[in-house]
Amino acid sequence: MIKLEQVEKSFGANAVLRGVDLEIPRGSSMVIIGGSGTGKSVLLKCVLGLVQPDSGRILVDGKDAAKGDRDAFLARFGMLFQGAALFDSLPVWQNVSFRLLRGALKRPRAEAREIAIEKLRRVGLTADVADRFPAELSGGMQKRVGLARAIAADPEIIFFDEPTTGLDPIMAGVINDLIREIVTEMGATAMTITHDMSSVRAISDNVAMLHGGKIRWTGPVSQLDASGDPYVQQFITGSAEGPIEAVR
């Protein structure tokens, strides 16, 4: 569904992506791991076209992501942002149905509200939450609202940016389970960036390790512990000793 071929991106003298090759099969869940500042978010933004690669090619469903109708391209995606990124001034239901109230996906207001309430129920929130504002919700509830917004338009592809950041271990487990269930139900292709190993094991079919601007290793999550790659082993064990230098 998504294919990256020798994707490179630099910001001035800082070469962030140095020839990334990666394939994400249709209907699968790919988790990209790597330390802070290794380019995971830049990679995601390149796929969405928010950042233009310096060279290389990105294909989505066999078509060049840099060409064609931009609105139609983005309509295929859903996104759960780090920190939920809800609009403080809008009630929950308008946050969830944000894309359905404007643009190419616009629906009648009443229909958009019904869809929002349905999606809220899917992530374990009751209908009365719809008219609250984000500030009235706990961090875990805000993350669920963000997930409901990500699936509101029934996207083919969903991106998850550090989905459990800021959550306690129990709520993180709940969000991981919801993500896995929803992606499976929808048959969506998922791409997640995280450094939370509990998320990696809970939601991934395949894992890719990004380090030094390149994919160091990729394979099924079942083979992660036996990857044999010293970068992967150091990252998943959290060891201070290894080829990845800890920034002090």
Protein backbone atom coordinates (compact mmCIF):
# COMPACT_ATOMS: atom_id res chain seq x y z
CA MET A 1 0.00 0.00 0.00
CA ILE A 2 2.91 2.32 0.80
CA LYS A 3 6.34 2.05 -0.77
CA LEU A 4 9.34 4.30 -0.20
CA GLU A 5 12.28 4.11 -2.58
CA GLN A 6 15.57 5.77 -1.62
CA VAL A 7 13.85 8.69 0.13
CA GLU A 8 16.25 11.40 1.26
CA LYS A 9 15.59 14.59 3.21
CA SER A 10 17.99 17.15 4.66
CA PHE A 11 17.45 20.37 6.55
CA GLY A 12 20.49 22.46 5.76
CA ALA A 13 23.54 20.42 6.74
CA ASN A 14 21.42 17.99 8.77
CA ALA A 15 20.74 14.88 6.68
CA VAL A 16 17.72 13.29 8.37
CA LEU A 17 16.70 10.65 5.83
CA ARG A 18 19.54 9.08 3.86
CA GLY A 19 17.96 6.70 1.42
CA VAL A 20 14.98 5.08 3.13
CA ASP A 21 13.53 1.96 1.50
CA LEU A 22 10.36 0.57 3.06
CA GLU A 23 7.24 -1.34 2.04
CA ILE A 24 4.01 -1.49 4.03
CA PRO A 25 1.65 -4.23 2.76
CA ARG A 26 -2.03 -3.44 2.29
CA GLY A 27 -4.08 -4.10 5.42
CA SER A 28 -1.04 -4.54 7.65
CA SER A 29 0.18 -2.62 10.69
CA MET A 30 3.76 -1.32 10.44
CA VAL A 31 5.46 0.22 13.47
CA ILE A 32 8.58 2.31 12.97
CA ILE A 33 10.88 2.45 15.98
CA GLY A 34 13.94 4.56 16.64
CA GLY A 35 15.30 7.08 19.08
CA SER A 36 14.23 10.70 19.35
CA GLY A 37 15.51 12.80 16.46
CA THR A 38 16.09 9.87 14.11
CA GLY A 39 13.59 11.11 11.53
CA LYS A 40 10.46 9.06 12.27
CA SER A 41 8.14 12.07 12.17
CA VAL A 42 9.88 13.48 9.09
CA LEU A 43 9.32 10.16 7.34
CA LEU A 44 5.62 10.25 8.17
CA LYS A 45 5.33 13.86 6.98
CA CYS A 46 7.04 12.95 3.72
CA VAL A 47 4.42 10.27 3.02
CA LEU A 48 1.64 12.78 3.68
CA GLY A 49 3.33 15.41 1.55
CA LEU A 50 3.69 17.88 4.43
CA VAL A 51 7.44 17.72 3.81
CA GLN A 52 8.83 17.28 0.32
CA PRO A 53 11.69 14.75 0.02
CA ASP A 54 14.87 15.96 -1.64
CA SER A 55 15.04 12.79 -3.71
CA GLY A 56 13.53 9.31 -3.96
CA ARG A 57 9.96 8.27 -4.58
CA ILE A 58 6.91 7.52 -2.44
CA LEU A 59 4.13 5.38 -3.88
CA VAL A 60 0.70 4.99 -2.31
CA ASP A 61 -1.41 2.23 -3.80
CA GLY A 62 1.01 2.14 -6.73
CA LYS A 63 0.71 5.85 -7.54
CA ASP A 64 3.24 8.61 -6.98
CA ALA A 65 2.19 10.44 -3.80
CA ALA A 66 3.55 13.73 -5.16
CA LYS A 67 1.21 13.74 -8.17
CA GLY A 68 -2.54 13.89 -8.69
CA ASP A 69 -5.44 15.41 -6.75
CA ARG A 70 -4.12 16.49 -3.34
CA ASP A 71 -7.53 16.56 -1.62
CA ALA A 72 -8.44 13.09 -2.89
CA PHE A 73 -5.05 11.81 -1.75
CA LEU A 74 -5.41 13.15 1.81
CA ALA A 75 -9.00 11.91 2.04
CA ARG A 76 -7.61 8.36 2.14
CA PHE A 77 -5.75 9.05 5.40
CA GLY A 78 -6.66 9.28 9.05
CA MET A 79 -4.27 10.58 11.70
CA LEU A 80 -3.95 10.24 15.46
CA PHE A 81 -1.62 13.02 16.57
CA GLN A 82 0.74 12.93 19.51
CA GLY A 83 -1.02 14.61 22.42
CA ALA A 84 -4.39 14.20 20.60
CA ALA A 85 -4.12 17.79 19.19
CA LEU A 86 -7.80 18.59 19.73
CA PHE A 87 -9.28 22.03 19.02
CA ASP A 88 -9.94 23.56 22.45
CA SER A 89 -12.68 25.88 21.18
CA LEU A 90 -14.78 23.11 19.60
CA PRO A 91 -16.97 20.58 21.40
CA VAL A 92 -15.92 16.97 21.17
CA TRP A 93 -18.35 16.01 18.43
CA GLN A 94 -17.10 18.80 16.16
CA ASN A 95 -13.52 17.70 16.82
CA VAL A 96 -14.38 14.14 15.78
CA SER A 97 -16.32 15.21 12.68
CA PHE A 98 -13.96 18.05 11.74
CA ARG A 99 -13.28 16.67 8.24
CA LEU A 100 -16.95 15.84 7.74
CA LEU A 101 -18.03 19.43 8.29
CA ARG A 102 -15.89 20.91 5.51
CA GLY A 103 -14.05 20.18 2.28
CA ALA A 104 -14.43 17.23 -0.06
CA LEU A 105 -15.89 14.96 2.64
CA LYS A 106 -18.53 17.45 3.79
CA ARG A 107 -21.73 15.95 5.24
CA PRO A 108 -24.89 17.60 6.60
CA ARG A 109 -24.32 18.83 10.15
CA ALA A 110 -26.81 16.42 11.74
CA GLU A 111 -25.30 13.45 9.91
CA ALA A 112 -21.78 14.49 10.92
CA ARG A 113 -22.88 14.61 14.56
CA GLU A 114 -24.42 11.13 14.33
CA ILE A 115 -21.21 9.74 12.85
CA ALA A 116 -19.18 11.44 15.59
CA ILE A 117 -21.30 9.87 18.32
CA GLU A 118 -21.03 6.46 16.65
CA LYS A 119 -17.23 6.74 16.49
CA LEU A 120 -17.08 7.93 20.11
CA ARG A 121 -19.00 4.84 21.16
CA ARG A 122 -16.56 2.71 19.17
CA VAL A 123 -13.67 3.99 21.26
CA GLY A 124 -15.55 3.46 24.51
CA LEU A 125 -17.00 6.92 25.15
CA THR A 126 -20.67 7.62 25.83
CA ALA A 127 -22.84 9.99 23.82
CA ASP A 128 -22.90 12.62 26.58
CA VAL A 129 -19.18 13.27 25.94
CA ALA A 130 -20.06 14.71 22.52
CA ASP A 131 -21.03 18.12 23.88
CA ARG A 132 -18.14 18.52 26.30
CA PHE A 133 -15.00 20.47 25.49
CA PRO A 134 -11.51 18.91 25.43
CA ALA A 135 -10.47 20.72 28.63
CA GLU A 136 -13.20 18.80 30.48
CA LEU A 137 -11.70 15.43 29.57
CA SER A 138 -8.87 13.39 31.06
CA GLY A 139 -5.76 12.66 29.01
CA GLY A 140 -6.99 9.16 28.24
CA MET A 141 -10.39 10.43 27.10
CA GLN A 142 -8.73 13.05 24.90
CA LYS A 143 -6.65 10.34 23.26
CA ARG A 144 -9.82 8.32 22.59
CA VAL A 145 -11.44 11.38 21.01
CA GLY A 146 -8.36 11.76 18.83
CA LEU A 147 -8.71 8.13 17.78
CA ALA A 148 -12.41 8.63 17.01
CA ARG A 149 -11.48 11.60 14.81
CA ALA A 150 -8.83 9.51 13.02
CA ILE A 151 -11.44 6.92 11.98
CA ALA A 152 -14.41 9.27 11.44
CA ALA A 153 -14.13 9.23 7.64
CA ASP A 154 -13.38 5.47 7.46
CA PRO A 155 -9.90 5.99 5.99
CA GLU A 156 -7.94 3.35 4.11
CA ILE A 157 -4.68 4.35 5.80
CA ILE A 158 -4.23 5.48 9.41
CA PHE A 159 -1.10 7.05 10.90
CA PHE A 160 -0.45 6.98 14.63
CA ASP A 161 2.12 9.41 16.02
CA GLU A 162 3.32 8.25 19.46
CA PRO A 163 -0.20 7.06 20.39
CA THR A 164 0.51 6.36 24.07
CA THR A 165 2.66 9.38 24.97
CA GLY A 166 1.62 10.89 28.31
CA LEU A 167 -0.63 8.00 29.33
CA ASP A 168 -0.25 5.75 32.36
CA PRO A 169 0.54 2.07 31.61
CA ILE A 170 -3.05 0.90 32.04
CA MET A 171 -4.56 3.55 29.75
CA ALA A 172 -1.73 2.99 27.27
CA GLY A 173 -2.73 -0.67 27.17
CA VAL A 174 -6.37 0.27 26.56
CA ILE A 175 -5.40 2.57 23.66
CA ASN A 176 -3.12 -0.09 22.17
CA ASP A 177 -5.94 -2.64 22.29
CA LEU A 178 -8.37 -0.18 20.69
CA ILE A 179 -5.93 0.61 17.89
CA ARG A 180 -5.38 -3.07 17.14
CA GLU A 181 -9.10 -3.86 17.16
CA ILE A 182 -10.09 -0.89 15.00
CA VAL A 183 -7.35 -1.37 12.41
CA THR A 184 -8.29 -5.05 12.09
CA GLU A 185 -12.02 -4.30 11.84
CA MET A 186 -11.55 -1.63 9.20
CA GLY A 187 -8.99 -3.59 7.20
CA ALA A 188 -6.93 -0.41 7.16
CA THR A 189 -3.24 -0.07 6.50
CA ALA A 190 -1.57 1.39 9.59
CA MET A 191 1.75 3.14 10.14
CA THR A 192 2.78 3.98 13.68
CA ILE A 193 5.85 5.77 14.98
CA THR A 194 6.75 5.11 18.60
CA HIS A 195 9.51 4.30 21.05
CA ASP A 196 7.09 2.51 23.42
CA MET A 197 7.91 -1.18 23.15
CA SER A 198 4.58 -2.22 24.69
CA SER A 199 2.84 -0.47 21.78
CA VAL A 200 5.18 -2.14 19.28
CA ARG A 201 4.29 -5.62 20.51
CA ALA A 202 0.58 -4.88 20.87
CA ILE A 203 -0.28 -3.27 17.55
CA SER A 204 2.31 -4.27 14.93
CA ASP A 205 2.41 -6.94 12.27
CA ASN A 206 5.79 -5.71 11.08
CA VAL A 207 8.49 -3.52 12.59
CA ALA A 208 11.11 -1.27 11.01
CA MET A 209 14.07 0.23 12.85
CA LEU A 210 15.11 3.69 11.66
CA HIS A 211 18.59 4.85 12.63
CA GLY A 212 21.17 7.04 10.96
CA GLY A 213 18.66 8.05 8.31
CA LYS A 214 18.17 4.49 7.04
CA ILE A 215 16.09 1.43 7.85
CA ARG A 216 18.46 -0.76 9.84
CA TRP A 217 16.14 -3.77 10.03
CA THR A 218 12.59 -4.69 9.11
CA GLY A 219 10.59 -7.83 9.65
CA PRO A 220 7.64 -9.45 11.43
CA VAL A 221 7.21 -8.48 15.08
CA SER A 222 7.55 -12.18 15.95
CA GLN A 223 11.18 -11.98 14.80
CA LEU A 224 12.02 -8.75 16.62
CA ASP A 225 13.77 -10.34 19.59
CA ALA A 226 15.84 -12.57 17.30
CA SER A 227 16.69 -9.85 14.75
CA GLY A 228 20.42 -10.21 15.34
CA ASP A 229 20.87 -6.49 14.67
CA PRO A 230 22.83 -4.76 17.46
CA TYR A 231 20.93 -1.47 16.99
CA VAL A 232 17.57 -3.22 17.33
CA GLN A 233 18.71 -5.25 20.33
CA GLN A 234 20.01 -2.20 22.16
CA PHE A 235 16.82 -0.26 21.46
CA ILE A 236 14.36 -2.95 22.56
CA THR A 237 16.31 -3.74 25.74
CA GLY A 238 16.95 -0.10 26.60
CA SER A 239 20.61 -0.76 27.25
CA ALA A 240 23.05 2.15 27.59
CA GLU A 241 25.72 -0.06 26.03
CA GLY A 242 25.75 -0.56 22.28
CA PRO A 243 26.18 1.17 18.93
CA ILE A 244 23.50 3.80 19.67
CA GLU A 245 25.16 6.62 21.58
CA ALA A 246 23.13 8.04 24.45
CA VAL A 247 22.93 11.84 24.34
CA ARG A 248 24.11 13.24 27.64
